[in-house]
PDB file of N, CA and C in Angstrom:
ATOM      1  N   UNK A   1      -6.947  -2.432 -23.802  1.00  0.00           N
ATOM      2  CA  UNK A   1      -7.920  -2.926 -22.863  1.00  0.00           C
ATOM      3  C   UNK A   1      -7.540  -4.348 -22.459  1.00  0.00           C
ATOM      4  N   UNK A   2      -7.524  -4.593 -21.161  1.00  0.00           N
ATOM      5  CA  UNK A   2      -7.268  -5.936 -20.660  1.00  0.00           C
ATOM      6  C   UNK A   2      -8.487  -6.394 -19.867  1.00  0.00           C
ATOM      7  N   UNK A   3      -8.584  -7.698 -19.689  1.00  0.00           N
ATOM      8  CA  UNK A   3      -9.704  -8.215 -18.908  1.00  0.00           C
ATOM      9  C   UNK A   3      -9.660  -7.713 -17.476  1.00  0.00           C
ATOM     10  N   UNK A   4      -8.469  -7.579 -16.903  1.00  0.00           N
ATOM     11  CA  UNK A   4      -8.389  -7.093 -15.523  1.00  0.00           C
ATOM     12  C   UNK A   4      -8.891  -5.652 -15.415  1.00  0.00           C
ATOM     13  N   UNK A   5      -8.588  -4.817 -16.406  1.00  0.00           N
ATOM     14  CA  UNK A   5      -9.102  -3.447 -16.419  1.00  0.00           C
ATOM     15  C   UNK A   5     -10.622  -3.452 -16.547  1.00  0.00           C
ATOM     16  N   UNK A   6     -11.118  -4.323 -17.403  1.00  0.00           N
ATOM     17  CA  UNK A   6     -12.559  -4.426 -17.602  1.00  0.00           C
ATOM     18  C   UNK A   6     -13.249  -4.896 -16.337  1.00  0.00           C
ATOM     19  N   UNK A   7     -12.731  -5.963 -15.728  1.00  0.00           N
ATOM     20  CA  UNK A   7     -13.358  -6.475 -14.515  1.00  0.00           C
ATOM     21  C   UNK A   7     -13.276  -5.469 -13.377  1.00  0.00           C
ATOM     22  N   UNK A   8     -12.183  -4.741 -13.299  1.00  0.00           N
ATOM     23  CA  UNK A   8     -12.056  -3.700 -12.282  1.00  0.00           C
ATOM     24  C   UNK A   8     -13.130  -2.630 -12.480  1.00  0.00           C
ATOM     25  N   UNK A   9     -13.360  -2.242 -13.724  1.00  0.00           N
ATOM     26  CA  UNK A   9     -14.391  -1.247 -14.015  1.00  0.00           C
ATOM     27  C   UNK A   9     -15.782  -1.769 -13.694  1.00  0.00           C
ATOM     28  N   UNK A  10     -16.017  -3.051 -13.943  1.00  0.00           N
ATOM     29  CA  UNK A  10     -17.333  -3.643 -13.703  1.00  0.00           C
ATOM     30  C   UNK A  10     -17.580  -3.991 -12.242  1.00  0.00           C
ATOM     31  N   UNK A  11     -16.543  -3.929 -11.419  1.00  0.00           N
ATOM     32  CA  UNK A  11     -16.671  -4.345 -10.019  1.00  0.00           C
ATOM     33  C   UNK A  11     -17.536  -3.403  -9.181  1.00  0.00           C
ATOM     34  N   UNK A  12     -17.673  -2.172  -9.605  1.00  0.00           N
ATOM     35  CA  UNK A  12     -18.423  -1.187  -8.825  1.00  0.00           C
ATOM     36  C   UNK A  12     -19.890  -1.143  -9.255  1.00  0.00           C
ATOM     37  N   UNK A  13     -20.786  -1.149  -8.279  1.00  0.00           N
ATOM     38  CA  UNK A  13     -22.219  -1.157  -8.608  1.00  0.00           C
ATOM     39  C   UNK A  13     -22.670   0.128  -9.294  1.00  0.00           C
ATOM     40  N   UNK A  14     -22.056   1.273  -8.966  1.00  0.00           N
ATOM     41  CA  UNK A  14     -22.422   2.518  -9.654  1.00  0.00           C
ATOM     42  C   UNK A  14     -22.055   2.463 -11.130  1.00  0.00           C
ATOM     43  N   UNK A  15     -20.908   1.882 -11.438  1.00  0.00           N
ATOM     44  CA  UNK A  15     -20.499   1.773 -12.844  1.00  0.00           C
ATOM     45  C   UNK A  15     -21.405   0.803 -13.608  1.00  0.00           C
ATOM     46  N   UNK A  16     -21.801  -0.273 -12.951  1.00  0.00           N
ATOM     47  CA  UNK A  16     -22.743  -1.199 -13.608  1.00  0.00           C
ATOM     48  C   UNK A  16     -24.089  -0.510 -13.848  1.00  0.00           C
ATOM     49  N   UNK A  17     -24.512   0.325 -12.905  1.00  0.00           N
ATOM     50  CA  UNK A  17     -25.772   1.056 -13.085  1.00  0.00           C
ATOM     51  C   UNK A  17     -25.656   2.040 -14.256  1.00  0.00           C
ATOM     52  N   UNK A  18     -24.511   2.701 -14.377  1.00  0.00           N
ATOM     53  CA  UNK A  18     -24.290   3.598 -15.516  1.00  0.00           C
ATOM     54  C   UNK A  18     -24.437   2.825 -16.828  1.00  0.00           C
ATOM     55  N   UNK A  19     -23.837   1.657 -16.898  1.00  0.00           N
ATOM     56  CA  UNK A  19     -23.931   0.841 -18.115  1.00  0.00           C
ATOM     57  C   UNK A  19     -25.373   0.429 -18.394  1.00  0.00           C
ATOM     58  N   UNK A  20     -26.111   0.086 -17.338  1.00  0.00           N
ATOM     59  CA  UNK A  20     -27.523  -0.268 -17.513  1.00  0.00           C
ATOM     60  C   UNK A  20     -28.310   0.906 -18.093  1.00  0.00           C
ATOM     61  N   UNK A  21     -28.056   2.103 -17.596  1.00  0.00           N
ATOM     62  CA  UNK A  21     -28.732   3.290 -18.109  1.00  0.00           C
ATOM     63  C   UNK A  21     -28.369   3.556 -19.562  1.00  0.00           C
ATOM     64  N   UNK A  22     -27.091   3.369 -19.901  1.00  0.00           N
ATOM     65  CA  UNK A  22     -26.640   3.627 -21.265  1.00  0.00           C
ATOM     66  C   UNK A  22     -27.120   2.568 -22.249  1.00  0.00           C
ATOM     67  N   UNK A  23     -27.553   1.404 -21.734  1.00  0.00           N
ATOM     68  CA  UNK A  23     -28.153   0.405 -22.631  1.00  0.00           C
ATOM     69  C   UNK A  23     -29.437   0.949 -23.244  1.00  0.00           C
ATOM     70  N   UNK A  24     -30.125   1.816 -22.515  1.00  0.00           N
ATOM     71  CA  UNK A  24     -31.400   2.365 -22.972  1.00  0.00           C
ATOM     72  C   UNK A  24     -31.215   3.488 -23.988  1.00  0.00           C
ATOM     73  N   UNK A  25     -30.233   4.366 -23.720  1.00  0.00           N
ATOM     74  CA  UNK A  25     -29.984   5.494 -24.630  1.00  0.00           C
ATOM     75  C   UNK A  25     -28.686   6.175 -24.253  1.00  0.00           C
ATOM     76  N   UNK A  26     -28.128   6.939 -25.181  1.00  0.00           N
ATOM     77  CA  UNK A  26     -26.968   7.778 -24.900  1.00  0.00           C
ATOM     78  C   UNK A  26     -27.413   8.873 -23.942  1.00  0.00           C
ATOM     79  N   UNK A  27     -26.539   9.230 -23.013  1.00  0.00           N
ATOM     80  CA  UNK A  27     -26.929  10.218 -22.005  1.00  0.00           C
ATOM     81  C   UNK A  27     -25.802  11.188 -21.726  1.00  0.00           C
ATOM     82  N   UNK A  28     -26.184  12.408 -21.348  1.00  0.00           N
ATOM     83  CA  UNK A  28     -25.212  13.409 -20.905  1.00  0.00           C
ATOM     84  C   UNK A  28     -24.895  13.159 -19.431  1.00  0.00           C
ATOM     85  N   UNK A  29     -23.875  13.835 -18.938  1.00  0.00           N
ATOM     86  CA  UNK A  29     -23.493  13.715 -17.537  1.00  0.00           C
ATOM     87  C   UNK A  29     -24.668  14.127 -16.642  1.00  0.00           C
ATOM     88  N   UNK A  30     -25.337  15.209 -17.003  1.00  0.00           N
ATOM     89  CA  UNK A  30     -26.456  15.678 -16.185  1.00  0.00           C
ATOM     90  C   UNK A  30     -27.593  14.662 -16.163  1.00  0.00           C
ATOM     91  N   UNK A  31     -27.874  14.042 -17.287  1.00  0.00           N
ATOM     92  CA  UNK A  31     -28.911  13.004 -17.319  1.00  0.00           C
ATOM     93  C   UNK A  31     -28.516  11.826 -16.439  1.00  0.00           C
ATOM     94  N   UNK A  32     -27.256  11.417 -16.540  1.00  0.00           N
ATOM     95  CA  UNK A  32     -26.781  10.315 -15.703  1.00  0.00           C
ATOM     96  C   UNK A  32     -26.841  10.696 -14.225  1.00  0.00           C
ATOM     97  N   UNK A  33     -26.422  11.907 -13.898  1.00  0.00           N
ATOM     98  CA  UNK A  33     -26.375  12.355 -12.499  1.00  0.00           C
ATOM     99  C   UNK A  33     -27.747  12.323 -11.843  1.00  0.00           C
ATOM    100  N   UNK A  34     -28.787  12.561 -12.620  1.00  0.00           N
ATOM    101  CA  UNK A  34     -30.138  12.576 -12.038  1.00  0.00           C
ATOM    102  C   UNK A  34     -30.564  11.191 -11.544  1.00  0.00           C
ATOM    103  N   UNK A  35     -29.833  10.162 -11.898  1.00  0.00           N
ATOM    104  CA  UNK A  35     -30.153   8.801 -11.481  1.00  0.00           C
ATOM    105  C   UNK A  35     -29.324   8.326 -10.289  1.00  0.00           C
ATOM    106  N   UNK A  36     -28.486   9.211  -9.750  1.00  0.00           N
ATOM    107  CA  UNK A  36     -27.573   8.832  -8.672  1.00  0.00           C
ATOM    108  C   UNK A  36     -27.655   9.818  -7.517  1.00  0.00           C
ATOM    109  N   UNK A  37     -27.286   9.329  -6.360  1.00  0.00           N
ATOM    110  CA  UNK A  37     -27.181  10.176  -5.181  1.00  0.00           C
ATOM    111  C   UNK A  37     -25.703  10.289  -4.802  1.00  0.00           C
ATOM    112  N   UNK A  38     -24.889  10.667  -5.791  1.00  0.00           N
ATOM    113  CA  UNK A  38     -23.452  10.850  -5.578  1.00  0.00           C
ATOM    114  C   UNK A  38     -23.056  12.202  -6.164  1.00  0.00           C
ATOM    115  N   UNK A  39     -21.901  12.690  -5.752  1.00  0.00           N
ATOM    116  CA  UNK A  39     -21.433  13.992  -6.245  1.00  0.00           C
ATOM    117  C   UNK A  39     -21.018  13.892  -7.720  1.00  0.00           C
ATOM    118  N   UNK A  40     -20.999  15.032  -8.388  1.00  0.00           N
ATOM    119  CA  UNK A  40     -20.549  15.054  -9.791  1.00  0.00           C
ATOM    120  C   UNK A  40     -19.092  14.608  -9.932  1.00  0.00           C
ATOM    121  N   UNK A  41     -18.190  15.002  -9.005  1.00  0.00           N
ATOM    122  CA  UNK A  41     -16.821  14.483  -9.121  1.00  0.00           C
ATOM    123  C   UNK A  41     -16.763  12.952  -9.007  1.00  0.00           C
ATOM    124  N   UNK A  42     -17.600  12.368  -8.153  1.00  0.00           N
ATOM    125  CA  UNK A  42     -17.632  10.899  -8.044  1.00  0.00           C
ATOM    126  C   UNK A  42     -18.151  10.270  -9.330  1.00  0.00           C
ATOM    127  N   UNK A  43     -19.198  10.870  -9.889  1.00  0.00           N
ATOM    128  CA  UNK A  43     -19.739  10.368 -11.149  1.00  0.00           C
ATOM    129  C   UNK A  43     -18.683  10.471 -12.253  1.00  0.00           C
ATOM    130  N   UNK A  44     -17.967  11.590 -12.292  1.00  0.00           N
ATOM    131  CA  UNK A  44     -16.904  11.767 -13.289  1.00  0.00           C
ATOM    132  C   UNK A  44     -15.818  10.710 -13.127  1.00  0.00           C
ATOM    133  N   UNK A  45     -15.490  10.381 -11.889  1.00  0.00           N
ATOM    134  CA  UNK A  45     -14.497   9.328 -11.624  1.00  0.00           C
ATOM    135  C   UNK A  45     -14.974   7.993 -12.193  1.00  0.00           C
ATOM    136  N   UNK A  46     -16.229   7.654 -11.948  1.00  0.00           N
ATOM    137  CA  UNK A  46     -16.776   6.392 -12.458  1.00  0.00           C
ATOM    138  C   UNK A  46     -16.784   6.377 -13.990  1.00  0.00           C
ATOM    139  N   UNK A  47     -17.157   7.488 -14.585  1.00  0.00           N
ATOM    140  CA  UNK A  47     -17.163   7.566 -16.051  1.00  0.00           C
ATOM    141  C   UNK A  47     -15.751   7.447 -16.614  1.00  0.00           C
ATOM    142  N   UNK A  48     -14.782   8.028 -15.920  1.00  0.00           N
ATOM    143  CA  UNK A  48     -13.389   7.920 -16.364  1.00  0.00           C
ATOM    144  C   UNK A  48     -12.922   6.468 -16.327  1.00  0.00           C
ATOM    145  N   UNK A  49     -13.286   5.736 -15.282  1.00  0.00           N
ATOM    146  CA  UNK A  49     -12.911   4.317 -15.186  1.00  0.00           C
ATOM    147  C   UNK A  49     -13.544   3.519 -16.323  1.00  0.00           C
ATOM    148  N   UNK A  50     -14.794   3.821 -16.652  1.00  0.00           N
ATOM    149  CA  UNK A  50     -15.461   3.124 -17.753  1.00  0.00           C
ATOM    150  C   UNK A  50     -14.822   3.467 -19.094  1.00  0.00           C
ATOM    151  N   UNK A  51     -14.391   4.724 -19.255  1.00  0.00           N
ATOM    152  CA  UNK A  51     -13.691   5.121 -20.492  1.00  0.00           C
ATOM    153  C   UNK A  51     -12.339   4.434 -20.583  1.00  0.00           C
ATOM    154  N   UNK A  52     -11.603   4.377 -19.471  1.00  0.00           N
ATOM    155  CA  UNK A  52     -10.297   3.700 -19.451  1.00  0.00           C
ATOM    156  C   UNK A  52     -10.420   2.248 -19.890  1.00  0.00           C
ATOM    157  N   UNK A  53     -11.500   1.614 -19.467  1.00  0.00           N
ATOM    158  CA  UNK A  53     -11.724   0.214 -19.812  1.00  0.00           C
ATOM    159  C   UNK A  53     -12.290   0.063 -21.224  1.00  0.00           C
ATOM    160  N   UNK A  54     -12.613   1.187 -21.858  1.00  0.00           N
ATOM    161  CA  UNK A  54     -13.156   1.143 -23.209  1.00  0.00           C
ATOM    162  C   UNK A  54     -14.619   0.745 -23.264  1.00  0.00           C
ATOM    163  N   UNK A  55     -15.294   0.745 -22.125  1.00  0.00           N
ATOM    164  CA  UNK A  55     -16.690   0.304 -22.082  1.00  0.00           C
ATOM    165  C   UNK A  55     -17.666   1.373 -22.536  1.00  0.00           C
ATOM    166  N   UNK A  56     -17.262   2.638 -22.434  1.00  0.00           N
ATOM    167  CA  UNK A  56     -18.106   3.726 -22.914  1.00  0.00           C
ATOM    168  C   UNK A  56     -17.278   4.637 -23.818  1.00  0.00           C
ATOM    169  N   UNK A  57     -17.973   5.313 -24.690  1.00  0.00           N
ATOM    170  CA  UNK A  57     -17.328   6.307 -25.543  1.00  0.00           C
ATOM    171  C   UNK A  57     -18.068   7.627 -25.364  1.00  0.00           C
ATOM    172  N   UNK A  58     -17.436   8.700 -25.789  1.00  0.00           N
ATOM    173  CA  UNK A  58     -18.024  10.025 -25.619  1.00  0.00           C
ATOM    174  C   UNK A  58     -18.131  10.734 -26.961  1.00  0.00           C
ATOM    175  N   UNK A  59     -19.092  11.640 -26.991  1.00  0.00           N
ATOM    176  CA  UNK A  59     -19.247  12.495 -28.164  1.00  0.00           C
ATOM    177  C   UNK A  59     -19.690  13.860 -27.679  1.00  0.00           C
ATOM    178  N   UNK A  60     -18.943  14.877 -28.073  1.00  0.00           N
ATOM    179  CA  UNK A  60     -19.284  16.241 -27.675  1.00  0.00           C
ATOM    180  C   UNK A  60     -20.322  16.801 -28.634  1.00  0.00           C
ATOM    181  N   UNK A  61     -21.366  17.409 -28.028  1.00  0.00           N
ATOM    182  CA  UNK A  61     -22.379  18.126 -28.807  1.00  0.00           C
ATOM    183  C   UNK A  61     -22.540  19.490 -28.147  1.00  0.00           C
ATOM    184  N   UNK A  62     -21.912  20.489 -28.731  1.00  0.00           N
ATOM    185  CA  UNK A  62     -21.900  21.813 -28.115  1.00  0.00           C
ATOM    186  C   UNK A  62     -21.090  21.752 -26.832  1.00  0.00           C
ATOM    187  N   UNK A  63     -21.700  22.177 -25.722  1.00  0.00           N
ATOM    188  CA  UNK A  63     -21.012  22.138 -24.439  1.00  0.00           C
ATOM    189  C   UNK A  63     -21.269  20.845 -23.682  1.00  0.00           C
ATOM    190  N   UNK A  64     -22.126  20.007 -24.200  1.00  0.00           N
ATOM    191  CA  UNK A  64     -22.480  18.749 -23.537  1.00  0.00           C
ATOM    192  C   UNK A  64     -21.614  17.601 -24.059  1.00  0.00           C
ATOM    193  N   UNK A  65     -21.321  16.675 -23.182  1.00  0.00           N
ATOM    194  CA  UNK A  65     -20.654  15.439 -23.573  1.00  0.00           C
ATOM    195  C   UNK A  65     -21.649  14.308 -23.349  1.00  0.00           C
ATOM    196  N   UNK A  66     -21.885  13.534 -24.394  1.00  0.00           N
ATOM    197  CA  UNK A  66     -22.806  12.414 -24.309  1.00  0.00           C
ATOM    198  C   UNK A  66     -22.022  11.106 -24.243  1.00  0.00           C
ATOM    199  N   UNK A  67     -22.491  10.210 -23.402  1.00  0.00           N
ATOM    200  CA  UNK A  67     -21.857   8.913 -23.197  1.00  0.00           C
ATOM    201  C   UNK A  67     -22.699   7.838 -23.852  1.00  0.00           C
ATOM    202  N   UNK A  68     -22.026   6.848 -24.417  1.00  0.00           N
ATOM    203  CA  UNK A  68     -22.718   5.705 -25.020  1.00  0.00           C
ATOM    204  C   UNK A  68     -21.899   4.446 -24.764  1.00  0.00           C
ATOM    205  N   UNK A  69     -22.578   3.308 -24.843  1.00  0.00           N
ATOM    206  CA  UNK A  69     -21.888   2.028 -24.698  1.00  0.00           C
ATOM    207  C   UNK A  69     -20.991   1.792 -25.897  1.00  0.00           C
ATOM    208  N   UNK A  70     -19.846   1.229 -25.657  1.00  0.00           N
ATOM    209  CA  UNK A  70     -18.938   0.833 -26.727  1.00  0.00           C
ATOM    210  C   UNK A  70     -19.140  -0.668 -26.939  1.00  0.00           C
ATOM    211  N   UNK A  71     -20.079  -1.020 -27.784  1.00  0.00           N
ATOM    212  CA  UNK A  71     -20.469  -2.417 -27.941  1.00  0.00           C
ATOM    213  C   UNK A  71     -19.353  -3.300 -28.481  1.00  0.00           C
ATOM    214  N   UNK A  72     -18.443  -2.740 -29.270  1.00  0.00           N
ATOM    215  CA  UNK A  72     -17.366  -3.563 -29.816  1.00  0.00           C
ATOM    216  C   UNK A  72     -16.482  -4.108 -28.693  1.00  0.00           C
ATOM    217  N   UNK A  73     -16.302  -3.346 -27.619  1.00  0.00           N
ATOM    218  CA  UNK A  73     -15.506  -3.831 -26.488  1.00  0.00           C
ATOM    219  C   UNK A  73     -16.229  -4.975 -25.786  1.00  0.00           C
ATOM    220  N   UNK A  74     -17.540  -4.871 -25.649  1.00  0.00           N
ATOM    221  CA  UNK A  74     -18.301  -5.958 -25.039  1.00  0.00           C
ATOM    222  C   UNK A  74     -18.190  -7.231 -25.879  1.00  0.00           C
ATOM    223  N   UNK A  75     -18.162  -7.072 -27.192  1.00  0.00           N
ATOM    224  CA  UNK A  75     -17.989  -8.234 -28.072  1.00  0.00           C
ATOM    225  C   UNK A  75     -16.613  -8.859 -27.878  1.00  0.00           C
ATOM    226  N   UNK A  76     -15.579  -8.022 -27.754  1.00  0.00           N
ATOM    227  CA  UNK A  76     -14.221  -8.527 -27.516  1.00  0.00           C
ATOM    228  C   UNK A  76     -14.141  -9.285 -26.194  1.00  0.00           C
ATOM    229  N   UNK A  77     -14.771  -8.730 -25.160  1.00  0.00           N
ATOM    230  CA  UNK A  77     -14.765  -9.371 -23.846  1.00  0.00           C
ATOM    231  C   UNK A  77     -15.440 -10.735 -23.923  1.00  0.00           C
ATOM    232  N   UNK A  78     -16.582 -10.780 -24.588  1.00  0.00           N
ATOM    233  CA  UNK A  78     -17.298 -12.045 -24.735  1.00  0.00           C
ATOM    234  C   UNK A  78     -16.436 -13.068 -25.468  1.00  0.00           C
ATOM    235  N   UNK A  79     -15.745 -12.638 -26.505  1.00  0.00           N
ATOM    236  CA  UNK A  79     -14.877 -13.546 -27.257  1.00  0.00           C
ATOM    237  C   UNK A  79     -13.714 -14.027 -26.401  1.00  0.00           C
ATOM    238  N   UNK A  80     -13.110 -13.111 -25.643  1.00  0.00           N
ATOM    239  CA  UNK A  80     -12.001 -13.492 -24.756  1.00  0.00           C
ATOM    240  C   UNK A  80     -12.454 -14.508 -23.716  1.00  0.00           C
ATOM    241  N   UNK A  81     -13.606 -14.271 -23.127  1.00  0.00           N
ATOM    242  CA  UNK A  81     -14.119 -15.199 -22.114  1.00  0.00           C
ATOM    243  C   UNK A  81     -14.461 -16.552 -22.730  1.00  0.00           C
ATOM    244  N   UNK A  82     -15.064 -16.522 -23.909  1.00  0.00           N
ATOM    245  CA  UNK A  82     -15.390 -17.771 -24.592  1.00  0.00           C
ATOM    246  C   UNK A  82     -14.110 -18.560 -24.882  1.00  0.00           C
ATOM    247  N   UNK A  83     -13.103 -17.865 -25.395  1.00  0.00           N
ATOM    248  CA  UNK A  83     -11.839 -18.538 -25.705  1.00  0.00           C
ATOM    249  C   UNK A  83     -11.180 -19.099 -24.450  1.00  0.00           C
ATOM    250  N   UNK A  84     -11.229 -18.345 -23.368  1.00  0.00           N
ATOM    251  CA  UNK A  84     -10.631 -18.789 -22.120  1.00  0.00           C
ATOM    252  C   UNK A  84     -11.293 -20.071 -21.625  1.00  0.00           C
ATOM    253  N   UNK A  85     -12.606 -20.080 -21.582  1.00  0.00           N
ATOM    254  CA  UNK A  85     -13.321 -21.234 -21.043  1.00  0.00           C
ATOM    255  C   UNK A  85     -13.446 -22.382 -22.037  1.00  0.00           C
ATOM    256  N   UNK A  86     -13.169 -22.116 -23.296  1.00  0.00           N
ATOM    257  CA  UNK A  86     -13.267 -23.151 -24.313  1.00  0.00           C
ATOM    258  C   UNK A  86     -11.894 -23.746 -24.648  1.00  0.00           C
ATOM    259  N   UNK A  87     -10.850 -23.288 -23.965  1.00  0.00           N
ATOM    260  CA  UNK A  87      -9.509 -23.785 -24.275  1.00  0.00           C
ATOM    261  C   UNK A  87      -9.350 -25.232 -23.809  1.00  0.00           C
ATOM    262  N   UNK A  88      -8.415 -25.937 -24.419  1.00  0.00           N
ATOM    263  CA  UNK A  88      -8.184 -27.348 -24.093  1.00  0.00           C
ATOM    264  C   UNK A  88      -7.725 -27.526 -22.650  1.00  0.00           C
ATOM    265  N   UNK A  89      -7.054 -26.506 -22.114  1.00  0.00           N
ATOM    266  CA  UNK A  89      -6.574 -26.607 -20.750  1.00  0.00           C
ATOM    267  C   UNK A  89      -7.740 -26.818 -19.773  1.00  0.00           C
ATOM    268  N   UNK A  90      -8.855 -26.185 -20.051  1.00  0.00           N
ATOM    269  CA  UNK A  90     -10.008 -26.287 -19.164  1.00  0.00           C
ATOM    270  C   UNK A  90     -11.057 -27.248 -19.676  1.00  0.00           C
ATOM    271  N   UNK A  91     -10.827 -27.827 -20.830  1.00  0.00           N
ATOM    272  CA  UNK A  91     -11.785 -28.760 -21.395  1.00  0.00           C
ATOM    273  C   UNK A  91     -12.943 -28.029 -22.048  1.00  0.00           C
ATOM    274  N   UNK A  92     -13.757 -28.799 -22.735  1.00  0.00           N
ATOM    275  CA  UNK A  92     -14.918 -28.229 -23.416  1.00  0.00           C
ATOM    276  C   UNK A  92     -16.002 -27.929 -22.385  1.00  0.00           C
ATOM    277  N   UNK A  93     -16.761 -26.826 -22.589  1.00  0.00           N
ATOM    278  CA  UNK A  93     -17.873 -26.546 -21.677  1.00  0.00           C
ATOM    279  C   UNK A  93     -18.922 -27.635 -21.809  1.00  0.00           C
ATOM    280  N   UNK A  94     -19.593 -27.894 -20.713  1.00  0.00           N
ATOM    281  CA  UNK A  94     -20.636 -28.933 -20.728  1.00  0.00           C
ATOM    282  C   UNK A  94     -21.985 -28.348 -20.984  1.00  0.00           C
TER     283      UNK A  94
END
């Protein structure tokens, strides 16, 4: 996972909405789809981008796949950003 991959995944408003929904609870594709006015292939594309960035993880339960936030990746991103802005090159944050 790189920051550019993460930022690319976060750049789309549909993907950010998916993350907002997953903050509340783990959801299946069908549950997520009920919150969007986009096709299932488009939703699958957005979920794939979030998986590539490591922002969501999946768990199969029978024939359903449930999506959840991958909080450890969010922690890594926060640490990377903190380190970037706290480096001597940019000075201490005010």
